[in-house]
Amino acid sequence: IRQNVGYTTEAGGTGSVASGATTATITHGLSKTPSAAQISVIFTEQGTADYGRWWISGITSTQFVVNVSADPGASNLDFSWQAMVL
């Protein structure tokens, strides 16, 4: 289904887990719900504080959530993401 007008199979962007938070909700804009294996997250900075482990949850037809174990601190925790459905 790739490259069909009106059917979005690939998307990407940036996000951030804010200081004082442990989640960031991302709107992916895909035409189909991706699986966890179809979502990639790359952190683009180290938080001021140790944020512990991270994982993806809450995957729906419109959004997914990036979670961390602990508040990343004053610097926030910025990341890039990419998602693709086949």
N, C-alpha and C. Protein backbone atom coordinates (compact mmCIF):
# COMPACT_ATOMS: atom_id res chain seq x y z
N ILE A 1 0.82 -1.19 0.00
CA ILE A 1 0.00 0.00 0.00
C ILE A 1 0.87 1.26 0.00
N ARG A 2 2.13 1.16 -0.13
CA ARG A 2 3.02 2.32 -0.07
C ARG A 2 2.76 3.29 -1.21
N GLN A 3 2.97 4.57 -0.91
CA GLN A 3 2.91 5.66 -1.87
C GLN A 3 1.54 5.83 -2.53
N ASN A 4 0.49 5.46 -1.84
CA ASN A 4 -0.86 5.70 -2.31
C ASN A 4 -1.36 7.03 -1.76
N VAL A 5 -1.81 7.88 -2.62
CA VAL A 5 -2.29 9.19 -2.20
C VAL A 5 -3.48 9.01 -1.25
N GLY A 6 -3.42 9.71 -0.12
CA GLY A 6 -4.51 9.66 0.86
C GLY A 6 -4.40 8.53 1.86
N TYR A 7 -3.40 7.66 1.75
CA TYR A 7 -3.21 6.57 2.70
C TYR A 7 -1.79 6.70 3.26
N THR A 8 -1.68 7.21 4.46
CA THR A 8 -0.38 7.51 5.05
C THR A 8 0.21 6.27 5.69
N THR A 9 1.36 5.82 5.17
CA THR A 9 2.01 4.61 5.69
C THR A 9 3.29 4.90 6.46
N GLU A 10 3.82 6.12 6.33
CA GLU A 10 5.05 6.48 7.03
C GLU A 10 4.92 7.88 7.63
N ALA A 11 5.45 8.04 8.84
CA ALA A 11 5.43 9.34 9.49
C ALA A 11 6.59 9.43 10.47
N GLY A 12 6.94 10.62 10.83
CA GLY A 12 8.02 10.82 11.79
C GLY A 12 7.94 12.23 12.35
N GLY A 13 8.71 12.46 13.39
CA GLY A 13 8.72 13.78 13.99
C GLY A 13 9.57 13.80 15.24
N THR A 14 9.33 14.78 16.07
CA THR A 14 10.04 14.92 17.33
C THR A 14 9.05 15.00 18.48
N GLY A 15 9.53 14.74 19.67
CA GLY A 15 8.72 14.83 20.85
C GLY A 15 9.60 15.08 22.06
N SER A 16 8.99 15.25 23.21
CA SER A 16 9.73 15.52 24.42
C SER A 16 8.93 15.07 25.64
N VAL A 17 9.62 14.42 26.56
CA VAL A 17 9.04 14.16 27.88
C VAL A 17 9.43 15.37 28.72
N ALA A 18 8.45 16.13 29.13
CA ALA A 18 8.69 17.40 29.84
C ALA A 18 9.19 17.16 31.26
N SER A 19 9.91 18.14 31.76
CA SER A 19 10.35 18.12 33.16
C SER A 19 9.13 17.95 34.06
N GLY A 20 9.20 17.03 35.00
CA GLY A 20 8.09 16.78 35.91
C GLY A 20 7.12 15.73 35.40
N ALA A 21 7.32 15.25 34.16
CA ALA A 21 6.42 14.26 33.58
C ALA A 21 7.17 12.95 33.34
N THR A 22 6.42 11.90 33.08
CA THR A 22 7.04 10.61 32.74
C THR A 22 6.46 10.04 31.45
N THR A 23 5.65 10.83 30.73
CA THR A 23 5.09 10.37 29.46
C THR A 23 5.05 11.52 28.44
N ALA A 24 5.01 11.12 27.18
CA ALA A 24 4.77 12.06 26.09
C ALA A 24 3.84 11.36 25.11
N THR A 25 2.71 11.97 24.79
CA THR A 25 1.76 11.39 23.84
C THR A 25 2.04 11.97 22.46
N ILE A 26 2.20 11.09 21.50
CA ILE A 26 2.54 11.47 20.13
C ILE A 26 1.38 11.11 19.21
N THR A 27 0.95 12.04 18.39
CA THR A 27 -0.05 11.78 17.35
C THR A 27 0.72 11.40 16.08
N HIS A 28 0.53 10.15 15.62
CA HIS A 28 1.35 9.64 14.51
C HIS A 28 0.79 9.95 13.13
N GLY A 29 -0.50 10.12 12.96
CA GLY A 29 -1.07 10.48 11.68
C GLY A 29 -1.10 9.39 10.63
N LEU A 30 -0.88 8.14 11.02
CA LEU A 30 -0.91 7.04 10.06
C LEU A 30 -2.35 6.61 9.77
N SER A 31 -2.55 6.00 8.63
CA SER A 31 -3.89 5.56 8.24
C SER A 31 -4.28 4.23 8.86
N LYS A 32 -3.36 3.58 9.54
CA LYS A 32 -3.60 2.28 10.17
C LYS A 32 -2.85 2.26 11.50
N THR A 33 -3.32 1.49 12.46
CA THR A 33 -2.65 1.39 13.76
C THR A 33 -1.34 0.63 13.61
N PRO A 34 -0.21 1.24 14.00
CA PRO A 34 1.06 0.53 13.92
C PRO A 34 1.22 -0.43 15.10
N SER A 35 2.05 -1.43 14.93
CA SER A 35 2.42 -2.29 16.06
C SER A 35 3.62 -1.64 16.74
N ALA A 36 3.96 -2.09 17.93
CA ALA A 36 5.13 -1.54 18.64
C ALA A 36 6.40 -1.72 17.83
N ALA A 37 6.51 -2.83 17.11
CA ALA A 37 7.70 -3.08 16.29
C ALA A 37 7.83 -2.11 15.12
N GLN A 38 6.75 -1.43 14.77
CA GLN A 38 6.77 -0.49 13.64
C GLN A 38 7.02 0.95 14.08
N ILE A 39 7.33 1.14 15.37
CA ILE A 39 7.61 2.48 15.91
C ILE A 39 9.05 2.50 16.42
N SER A 40 9.82 3.49 15.98
CA SER A 40 11.19 3.67 16.44
C SER A 40 11.31 5.00 17.17
N VAL A 41 12.04 4.98 18.28
CA VAL A 41 12.29 6.19 19.05
C VAL A 41 13.80 6.29 19.28
N ILE A 42 14.36 7.47 19.00
CA ILE A 42 15.78 7.72 19.26
C ILE A 42 15.89 8.98 20.09
N PHE A 43 16.50 8.86 21.26
CA PHE A 43 16.66 10.01 22.14
C PHE A 43 17.77 10.90 21.60
N THR A 44 17.52 12.20 21.59
CA THR A 44 18.47 13.15 21.01
C THR A 44 19.20 13.96 22.07
N GLU A 45 18.99 13.63 23.32
CA GLU A 45 19.72 14.25 24.43
C GLU A 45 19.58 13.38 25.66
N GLN A 46 20.42 13.61 26.64
CA GLN A 46 20.34 12.94 27.93
C GLN A 46 19.61 13.87 28.87
N GLY A 47 18.66 13.35 29.61
CA GLY A 47 17.95 14.18 30.59
C GLY A 47 18.89 14.65 31.69
N THR A 48 18.52 15.73 32.36
CA THR A 48 19.31 16.23 33.49
C THR A 48 19.39 15.18 34.58
N ALA A 49 18.30 14.48 34.80
CA ALA A 49 18.24 13.41 35.79
C ALA A 49 18.15 12.06 35.07
N ASP A 50 18.51 11.00 35.76
CA ASP A 50 18.42 9.66 35.18
C ASP A 50 16.94 9.28 35.05
N TYR A 51 16.49 9.10 33.82
CA TYR A 51 15.08 8.78 33.57
C TYR A 51 14.79 7.29 33.63
N GLY A 52 15.80 6.47 33.85
CA GLY A 52 15.60 5.03 34.01
C GLY A 52 15.29 4.34 32.70
N ARG A 53 14.35 3.43 32.75
CA ARG A 53 13.96 2.68 31.56
C ARG A 53 12.93 3.45 30.75
N TRP A 54 12.75 3.05 29.49
CA TRP A 54 11.72 3.67 28.66
C TRP A 54 11.00 2.58 27.88
N TRP A 55 9.76 2.88 27.47
CA TRP A 55 8.96 1.94 26.69
C TRP A 55 7.84 2.69 25.98
N ILE A 56 7.24 2.02 25.02
CA ILE A 56 6.11 2.57 24.26
C ILE A 56 4.85 1.86 24.72
N SER A 57 3.76 2.60 24.88
CA SER A 57 2.48 2.00 25.26
C SER A 57 1.36 2.78 24.61
N GLY A 58 0.14 2.38 24.89
CA GLY A 58 -1.04 3.13 24.46
C GLY A 58 -1.14 3.35 22.96
N ILE A 59 -0.75 2.36 22.18
CA ILE A 59 -0.78 2.50 20.73
C ILE A 59 -2.22 2.39 20.23
N THR A 60 -2.65 3.45 19.54
CA THR A 60 -4.01 3.47 18.99
C THR A 60 -3.95 3.84 17.51
N SER A 61 -5.10 4.00 16.91
CA SER A 61 -5.16 4.37 15.50
C SER A 61 -4.67 5.79 15.25
N THR A 62 -4.49 6.58 16.30
CA THR A 62 -4.04 7.97 16.12
C THR A 62 -2.81 8.35 16.94
N GLN A 63 -2.50 7.62 18.02
CA GLN A 63 -1.45 8.04 18.93
C GLN A 63 -0.67 6.87 19.50
N PHE A 64 0.47 7.20 20.12
CA PHE A 64 1.20 6.27 20.97
C PHE A 64 1.84 7.09 22.09
N VAL A 65 2.26 6.41 23.15
CA VAL A 65 2.83 7.09 24.32
C VAL A 65 4.25 6.59 24.55
N VAL A 66 5.17 7.54 24.73
CA VAL A 66 6.54 7.23 25.14
C VAL A 66 6.60 7.43 26.64
N ASN A 67 7.03 6.40 27.36
CA ASN A 67 7.07 6.41 28.82
C ASN A 67 8.51 6.31 29.32
N VAL A 68 8.80 6.94 30.45
CA VAL A 68 10.08 6.76 31.14
C VAL A 68 9.78 6.45 32.60
N SER A 69 10.73 5.82 33.27
CA SER A 69 10.53 5.41 34.66
C SER A 69 10.52 6.57 35.65
N ALA A 70 11.28 7.64 35.32
CA ALA A 70 11.41 8.75 36.27
C ALA A 70 11.49 10.08 35.51
N ASP A 71 11.16 11.14 36.19
CA ASP A 71 11.23 12.51 35.67
C ASP A 71 12.62 12.77 35.09
N PRO A 72 12.71 13.21 33.82
CA PRO A 72 14.02 13.44 33.21
C PRO A 72 14.73 14.71 33.70
N GLY A 73 14.07 15.53 34.49
CA GLY A 73 14.71 16.72 35.03
C GLY A 73 14.49 17.97 34.19
N ALA A 74 15.19 19.02 34.55
CA ALA A 74 14.97 20.35 33.98
C ALA A 74 15.18 20.44 32.48
N SER A 75 16.02 19.60 31.92
CA SER A 75 16.33 19.70 30.49
C SER A 75 15.25 19.08 29.60
N ASN A 76 14.27 18.39 30.19
CA ASN A 76 13.32 17.58 29.43
C ASN A 76 14.07 16.40 28.81
N LEU A 77 13.40 15.60 28.01
CA LEU A 77 14.03 14.47 27.33
C LEU A 77 13.50 14.46 25.89
N ASP A 78 14.27 15.02 24.98
CA ASP A 78 13.86 15.15 23.59
C ASP A 78 14.16 13.88 22.81
N PHE A 79 13.32 13.60 21.81
CA PHE A 79 13.52 12.42 20.99
C PHE A 79 12.96 12.64 19.59
N SER A 80 13.44 11.82 18.68
CA SER A 80 12.88 11.73 17.32
C SER A 80 12.16 10.41 17.24
N TRP A 81 11.13 10.36 16.43
CA TRP A 81 10.37 9.12 16.26
C TRP A 81 10.05 8.90 14.79
N GLN A 82 9.85 7.64 14.45
CA GLN A 82 9.42 7.27 13.11
C GLN A 82 8.50 6.07 13.24
N ALA A 83 7.45 6.06 12.44
CA ALA A 83 6.51 4.94 12.44
C ALA A 83 6.14 4.60 11.01
N MET A 84 5.91 3.31 10.76
CA MET A 84 5.58 2.85 9.42
C MET A 84 4.64 1.66 9.53
N VAL A 85 3.63 1.63 8.69
CA VAL A 85 2.75 0.47 8.62
C VAL A 85 2.85 -0.09 7.21
N LEU A 86 2.78 -1.39 7.12
CA LEU A 86 2.87 -2.05 5.81
C LEU A 86 1.55 -2.60 5.37
